Amino acid sequence: MLSFIRHYLLAVQFFTRVPVTGRLAAWVGFSPAMLRASAAHFPGVGWLVGAAVAALSWGLLQMLPPHALACGVVAALGTVFTVLMTGAFHEDGLADVADGLGGSYQRERALDIMKDSRVGAFGAIAVALVLLCKVMLLALLGALQPALLVVGLFAGHVVSRTWPLLTIRLLPHVGDTAQSKSKPLADQISVGSLGVAFLWCFAALGLAGYALAAMDLVAPVANRAGASLQWSWAAVLAGAVVCSGLSWGWMHRWFARRLQGFTGDCLGAIQQVSEIAFYLGLALMWGALGLPAALPA
């Protein structure tokens, strides 16, 4: 159990700006082997980030007037909060990937561009579009059902941090291993660590489904036929996971074809795109089930 906690705190220290310093950091310790083991807790970092932004969003929704525009404000402030909490770690990876793969069709040249700390046109455009899509989709979820925005934020952050681990397992690391921050992740993640990661993910989805079902018991949501869809929340979440998984599959195949492997930046890009795809899946399933919007436009 102590190793579990230490590995989790190391993942939090590495992937967020949450302070793990002083005596706590000394107790946690660091080694390449520990960082490699901490990969199992990437979805657990999603629990922390997702729970924090979900709590902030729920509080803001209680204080702001019930209107669709209020959901846009909540979505924007929540996105700012997550960027501050993570230090834009994943957005930076997305920008580097966009610059590298957008700037050259040659593998080696693309890898060289991705190492450059400067952000080019492709990277800036990619980050701007991703943030825009994220805010708009979250605002839409809030207008459809405020609880869907809150629960979707929590689950989306966990699920989107699970998919990169499959890429670590299935592809070789092709970055500058001697200099890369993801050097300890160059080795394939173990089956046991992958199992721990999936437990984090399944637990989050179970909690999200329970929360949505409990909400429907208090304020039932009905489809076009007027029937309560208490158990349809499982279908909504399943559709979001499928949509997120499809985005991972596309990016994984893209990296395998263009780079014949992955870098740490690729993992950040996967997280960002699959998070957006998760929110999109929630909205698409809501429409497919014929559920109404809860807030006025």
Protein backbone atom coordinates (compact mmCIF):
# COMPACT_ATOMS: atom_id res chain seq x y z
CA MET A 1 0.00 0.00 0.00
CA LEU A 2 2.86 2.41 0.77
CA SER A 3 4.36 1.75 -2.67
CA PHE A 4 0.94 2.38 -4.22
CA ILE A 5 0.69 5.76 -2.47
CA ARG A 6 4.25 6.75 -3.33
CA HIS A 7 3.81 5.87 -6.99
CA TYR A 8 0.53 7.78 -7.11
CA LEU A 9 2.05 10.88 -5.52
CA LEU A 10 4.97 10.69 -7.94
CA ALA A 11 2.51 10.67 -10.84
CA VAL A 12 0.75 13.70 -9.34
CA GLN A 13 4.10 15.45 -8.90
CA PHE A 14 5.17 14.73 -12.48
CA PHE A 15 1.91 15.49 -14.32
CA THR A 16 0.37 18.35 -12.31
CA ARG A 17 1.34 21.54 -10.51
CA VAL A 18 -0.13 20.20 -7.26
CA PRO A 19 2.67 20.75 -4.73
CA VAL A 20 4.34 17.54 -3.61
CA THR A 21 7.34 19.13 -1.95
CA GLY A 22 9.46 19.18 1.16
CA ARG A 23 9.27 16.19 3.47
CA LEU A 24 6.47 14.65 1.43
CA ALA A 25 8.59 14.73 -1.74
CA ALA A 26 11.53 13.29 0.18
CA TRP A 27 9.33 10.46 1.43
CA VAL A 28 7.97 9.78 -2.07
CA GLY A 29 11.46 9.69 -3.57
CA PHE A 30 12.33 9.31 -7.22
CA SER A 31 13.92 6.80 -9.55
CA PRO A 32 13.34 5.88 -13.20
CA ALA A 33 11.83 2.59 -12.02
CA MET A 34 9.40 4.44 -9.76
CA LEU A 35 8.36 6.81 -12.55
CA ARG A 36 7.81 3.83 -14.81
CA ALA A 37 5.63 2.21 -12.14
CA SER A 38 3.72 5.47 -11.63
CA ALA A 39 2.37 5.17 -15.19
CA ALA A 40 -0.29 2.87 -13.74
CA HIS A 41 -1.68 5.90 -11.92
CA PHE A 42 -2.09 8.24 -14.88
CA PRO A 43 -5.88 7.71 -14.72
CA GLY A 44 -5.62 8.32 -10.97
CA VAL A 45 -4.19 11.75 -11.75
CA GLY A 46 -7.32 12.18 -13.86
CA TRP A 47 -9.36 11.45 -10.72
CA LEU A 48 -7.65 14.34 -8.94
CA VAL A 49 -7.84 16.84 -11.81
CA GLY A 50 -11.34 15.76 -12.84
CA ALA A 51 -12.74 15.86 -9.32
CA ALA A 52 -11.26 19.30 -8.69
CA VAL A 53 -12.61 20.88 -11.87
CA ALA A 54 -15.97 19.09 -11.45
CA ALA A 55 -16.32 20.49 -7.92
CA LEU A 56 -15.42 23.98 -9.14
CA SER A 57 -17.90 23.72 -12.01
CA TRP A 58 -20.70 22.47 -9.77
CA GLY A 59 -20.13 25.34 -7.34
CA LEU A 60 -20.19 27.91 -10.13
CA LEU A 61 -23.36 26.40 -11.58
CA GLN A 62 -25.07 26.82 -8.20
CA MET A 63 -24.11 30.50 -7.99
CA LEU A 64 -24.71 31.59 -11.59
CA PRO A 65 -28.21 32.08 -13.06
CA PRO A 66 -29.65 28.99 -14.80
CA HIS A 67 -28.91 29.84 -18.41
CA ALA A 68 -26.99 28.26 -21.26
CA LEU A 69 -24.56 31.20 -21.33
CA ALA A 70 -23.71 30.48 -17.70
CA CYS A 71 -22.58 27.02 -18.81
CA GLY A 72 -20.23 28.67 -21.28
CA VAL A 73 -18.72 30.73 -18.47
CA VAL A 74 -18.32 27.61 -16.34
CA ALA A 75 -16.74 25.70 -19.24
CA ALA A 76 -14.24 28.49 -19.91
CA LEU A 77 -13.27 28.96 -16.25
CA GLY A 78 -13.02 25.21 -15.75
CA THR A 79 -10.69 24.92 -18.73
CA VAL A 80 -8.50 27.71 -17.35
CA PHE A 81 -8.43 25.90 -14.01
CA THR A 82 -7.29 22.60 -15.53
CA VAL A 83 -4.57 24.33 -17.55
CA LEU A 84 -3.27 25.97 -14.38
CA MET A 85 -3.52 22.72 -12.44
CA THR A 86 -1.58 20.68 -15.00
CA GLY A 87 0.78 23.41 -16.18
CA ALA A 88 -0.51 22.92 -19.75
CA PHE A 89 1.59 19.74 -19.81
CA HIS A 90 -0.61 17.91 -22.31
CA GLU A 91 -1.37 20.99 -24.40
CA ASP A 92 2.36 21.51 -24.82
CA GLY A 93 2.69 17.96 -26.13
CA LEU A 94 -0.16 18.54 -28.57
CA ALA A 95 1.52 21.70 -29.88
CA ASP A 96 4.83 19.90 -30.43
CA VAL A 97 3.13 17.02 -32.26
CA ALA A 98 1.20 19.41 -34.50
CA ASP A 99 4.36 21.35 -35.33
CA GLY A 100 6.39 18.22 -36.01
CA LEU A 101 3.93 16.20 -38.06
CA GLY A 102 2.45 19.28 -39.70
CA GLY A 103 5.83 20.77 -40.52
CA SER A 104 7.48 17.82 -42.23
CA TYR A 105 6.58 14.51 -43.86
CA GLN A 106 10.06 13.16 -43.10
CA ARG A 107 10.17 11.15 -39.88
CA GLU A 108 13.54 12.33 -38.61
CA ARG A 109 12.83 15.96 -39.42
CA ALA A 110 9.44 15.74 -37.69
CA LEU A 111 11.10 14.33 -34.55
CA ASP A 112 13.65 17.15 -34.61
CA ILE A 113 10.90 19.77 -34.84
CA MET A 114 9.06 18.17 -31.92
CA LYS A 115 12.16 18.65 -29.72
CA ASP A 116 12.18 22.40 -30.40
CA SER A 117 10.74 24.30 -27.42
CA ARG A 118 9.40 27.05 -29.69
CA VAL A 119 5.76 26.87 -30.80
CA GLY A 120 5.10 27.21 -34.51
CA ALA A 121 1.98 28.01 -36.50
CA PHE A 122 0.71 24.42 -36.57
CA GLY A 123 1.12 24.08 -32.81
CA ALA A 124 -0.57 27.38 -32.00
CA ILE A 125 -3.50 26.60 -34.29
CA ALA A 126 -3.88 23.09 -32.85
CA VAL A 127 -3.97 24.29 -29.24
CA ALA A 128 -6.38 27.13 -30.06
CA LEU A 129 -8.77 24.77 -31.87
CA VAL A 130 -8.60 22.14 -29.13
CA LEU A 131 -9.35 24.67 -26.39
CA LEU A 132 -12.19 26.13 -28.47
CA CYS A 133 -13.71 22.69 -29.06
CA LYS A 134 -13.35 21.80 -25.39
CA VAL A 135 -15.08 24.95 -24.13
CA MET A 136 -17.90 24.73 -26.68
CA LEU A 137 -18.58 21.04 -26.03
CA LEU A 138 -18.58 21.51 -22.26
CA ALA A 139 -20.94 24.47 -22.62
CA LEU A 140 -23.23 22.31 -24.75
CA LEU A 141 -23.20 19.52 -22.14
CA GLY A 142 -24.10 22.02 -19.44
CA ALA A 143 -27.01 23.34 -21.49
CA LEU A 144 -28.26 19.81 -22.10
CA GLN A 145 -28.02 18.87 -18.42
CA PRO A 146 -25.80 20.60 -15.82
CA ALA A 147 -25.09 17.29 -14.10
CA LEU A 148 -23.85 15.92 -17.42
CA LEU A 149 -21.24 18.68 -17.58
CA VAL A 150 -19.99 17.96 -14.06
CA VAL A 151 -19.93 14.18 -14.37
CA GLY A 152 -18.54 14.35 -17.91
CA LEU A 153 -15.62 16.49 -16.72
CA PHE A 154 -14.70 13.98 -14.06
CA ALA A 155 -14.98 10.89 -16.26
CA GLY A 156 -13.41 12.57 -19.30
CA HIS A 157 -10.22 13.42 -17.45
CA VAL A 158 -9.86 9.83 -16.24
CA VAL A 159 -10.68 8.05 -19.51
CA SER A 160 -8.46 10.34 -21.59
CA ARG A 161 -5.49 9.51 -19.35
CA THR A 162 -6.03 5.79 -19.83
CA TRP A 163 -5.71 5.56 -23.63
CA PRO A 164 -2.07 6.79 -23.79
CA LEU A 165 -1.03 3.76 -21.74
CA LEU A 166 -2.17 1.46 -24.54
CA THR A 167 0.12 3.34 -26.91
CA ILE A 168 3.00 2.91 -24.45
CA ARG A 169 2.24 -0.81 -24.41
CA LEU A 170 1.87 -1.26 -28.15
CA LEU A 171 4.45 1.09 -29.71
CA PRO A 172 8.18 1.66 -29.11
CA HIS A 173 9.50 4.95 -27.78
CA VAL A 174 11.22 6.82 -30.63
CA GLY A 175 12.16 10.13 -29.02
CA ASP A 176 15.57 11.28 -27.91
CA THR A 177 15.61 8.83 -25.03
CA ALA A 178 18.73 10.30 -23.43
CA GLN A 179 17.10 13.73 -23.09
CA SER A 180 13.39 12.95 -23.03
CA LYS A 181 11.30 13.60 -19.94
CA SER A 182 9.45 10.40 -20.81
CA LYS A 183 12.63 8.30 -20.83
CA PRO A 184 11.42 6.01 -18.01
CA LEU A 185 8.30 5.35 -20.09
CA ALA A 186 10.32 4.13 -23.05
CA ASP A 187 9.91 0.56 -21.86
CA GLN A 188 6.56 -1.07 -22.40
CA ILE A 189 4.16 -0.76 -19.49
CA SER A 190 3.64 -4.07 -17.69
CA VAL A 191 0.35 -5.96 -17.85
CA GLY A 192 -0.03 -5.52 -14.08
CA SER A 193 0.35 -1.74 -14.31
CA LEU A 194 -2.11 -1.66 -17.19
CA GLY A 195 -4.56 -3.58 -15.02
CA VAL A 196 -4.23 -1.02 -12.23
CA ALA A 197 -4.85 1.77 -14.73
CA PHE A 198 -8.01 0.09 -16.01
CA LEU A 199 -9.24 -0.32 -12.44
CA TRP A 200 -8.88 3.45 -11.96
CA CYS A 201 -10.81 3.97 -15.21
CA PHE A 202 -13.61 1.46 -14.59
CA ALA A 203 -14.11 2.77 -11.05
CA ALA A 204 -14.48 6.32 -12.39
CA LEU A 205 -17.01 5.22 -15.01
CA GLY A 206 -18.95 3.27 -12.39
CA LEU A 207 -19.05 6.30 -10.10
CA ALA A 208 -20.10 8.54 -13.00
CA GLY A 209 -22.90 6.17 -13.98
CA TYR A 210 -24.11 5.94 -10.39
CA ALA A 211 -24.10 9.73 -10.03
CA LEU A 212 -26.14 10.21 -13.21
CA ALA A 213 -28.62 7.47 -12.25
CA ALA A 214 -29.03 9.00 -8.79
CA MET A 215 -29.65 12.40 -10.36
CA ASP A 216 -32.38 10.90 -12.53
CA LEU A 217 -34.09 9.45 -9.47
CA VAL A 218 -34.39 12.97 -8.06
CA ALA A 219 -35.19 14.80 -11.32
CA PRO A 220 -36.13 12.24 -14.01
CA VAL A 221 -35.06 13.00 -17.55
CA ALA A 222 -37.42 11.81 -20.26
CA ASN A 223 -37.03 11.04 -23.95
CA ARG A 224 -39.33 12.24 -26.71
CA ALA A 225 -41.87 9.56 -25.77
CA GLY A 226 -41.95 10.83 -22.18
CA ALA A 227 -40.44 7.67 -20.67
CA SER A 228 -37.89 8.01 -17.90
CA LEU A 229 -34.43 6.92 -19.02
CA GLN A 230 -32.82 6.23 -15.68
CA TRP A 231 -30.78 3.34 -17.08
CA SER A 232 -29.88 5.12 -20.31
CA TRP A 233 -26.97 6.83 -18.54
CA ALA A 234 -24.95 3.66 -19.04
CA ALA A 235 -25.52 3.97 -22.78
CA VAL A 236 -24.54 7.65 -22.73
CA LEU A 237 -21.25 6.87 -20.97
CA ALA A 238 -20.59 3.83 -23.16
CA GLY A 239 -21.03 5.93 -26.28
CA ALA A 240 -18.59 8.52 -24.92
CA VAL A 241 -15.99 5.83 -24.19
CA VAL A 242 -16.38 4.40 -27.69
CA CYS A 243 -15.99 7.83 -29.29
CA SER A 244 -12.92 8.51 -27.17
CA GLY A 245 -11.50 5.09 -28.05
CA LEU A 246 -11.98 5.71 -31.76
CA SER A 247 -10.02 8.94 -31.50
CA TRP A 248 -7.23 7.07 -29.71
CA GLY A 249 -7.21 4.41 -32.43
CA TRP A 250 -6.89 7.02 -35.15
CA MET A 251 -4.04 8.84 -33.41
CA HIS A 252 -2.27 5.60 -32.49
CA ARG A 253 -2.37 4.51 -36.13
CA TRP A 254 -1.17 7.97 -37.22
CA PHE A 255 1.85 7.82 -34.93
CA ALA A 256 2.63 4.25 -35.95
CA ARG A 257 2.57 5.24 -39.63
CA ARG A 258 4.39 8.58 -39.40
CA LEU A 259 6.82 7.98 -36.53
CA GLN A 260 6.90 4.17 -36.16
CA GLY A 261 6.47 4.77 -32.45
CA PHE A 262 5.63 7.43 -29.85
CA THR A 263 7.24 10.23 -27.91
CA GLY A 264 6.12 11.88 -24.68
CA ASP A 265 4.51 14.63 -26.75
CA CYS A 266 2.41 12.03 -28.54
CA LEU A 267 0.97 10.88 -25.21
CA GLY A 268 -0.08 14.45 -24.36
CA ALA A 269 -1.71 14.84 -27.77
CA ILE A 270 -3.65 11.60 -27.30
CA GLN A 271 -4.92 12.79 -23.93
CA GLN A 272 -6.18 16.08 -25.33
CA VAL A 273 -7.90 14.65 -28.40
CA SER A 274 -9.49 11.70 -26.58
CA GLU A 275 -10.80 14.04 -23.86
CA ILE A 276 -12.57 16.15 -26.47
CA ALA A 277 -13.87 13.00 -28.17
CA PHE A 278 -15.32 11.85 -24.84
CA TYR A 279 -17.32 15.07 -24.47
CA LEU A 280 -18.44 14.80 -28.08
CA GLY A 281 -19.60 11.24 -27.48
CA LEU A 282 -21.71 12.35 -24.52
CA ALA A 283 -23.43 15.00 -26.64
CA LEU A 284 -23.97 12.64 -29.58
CA MET A 285 -25.50 9.95 -27.37
CA TRP A 286 -27.75 12.53 -25.75
CA GLY A 287 -29.09 13.45 -29.16
CA ALA A 288 -29.36 9.82 -30.27
CA LEU A 289 -31.52 8.99 -27.24
CA GLY A 290 -33.79 11.97 -27.89
CA LEU A 291 -33.17 13.65 -24.54
CA PRO A 292 -34.19 17.31 -24.17
CA ALA A 293 -32.10 20.32 -23.22
CA ALA A 294 -32.56 21.40 -19.62
CA LEU A 295 -31.58 25.06 -19.90
CA PRO A 296 -32.85 27.88 -22.13
CA ALA A 297 -30.61 29.13 -24.94
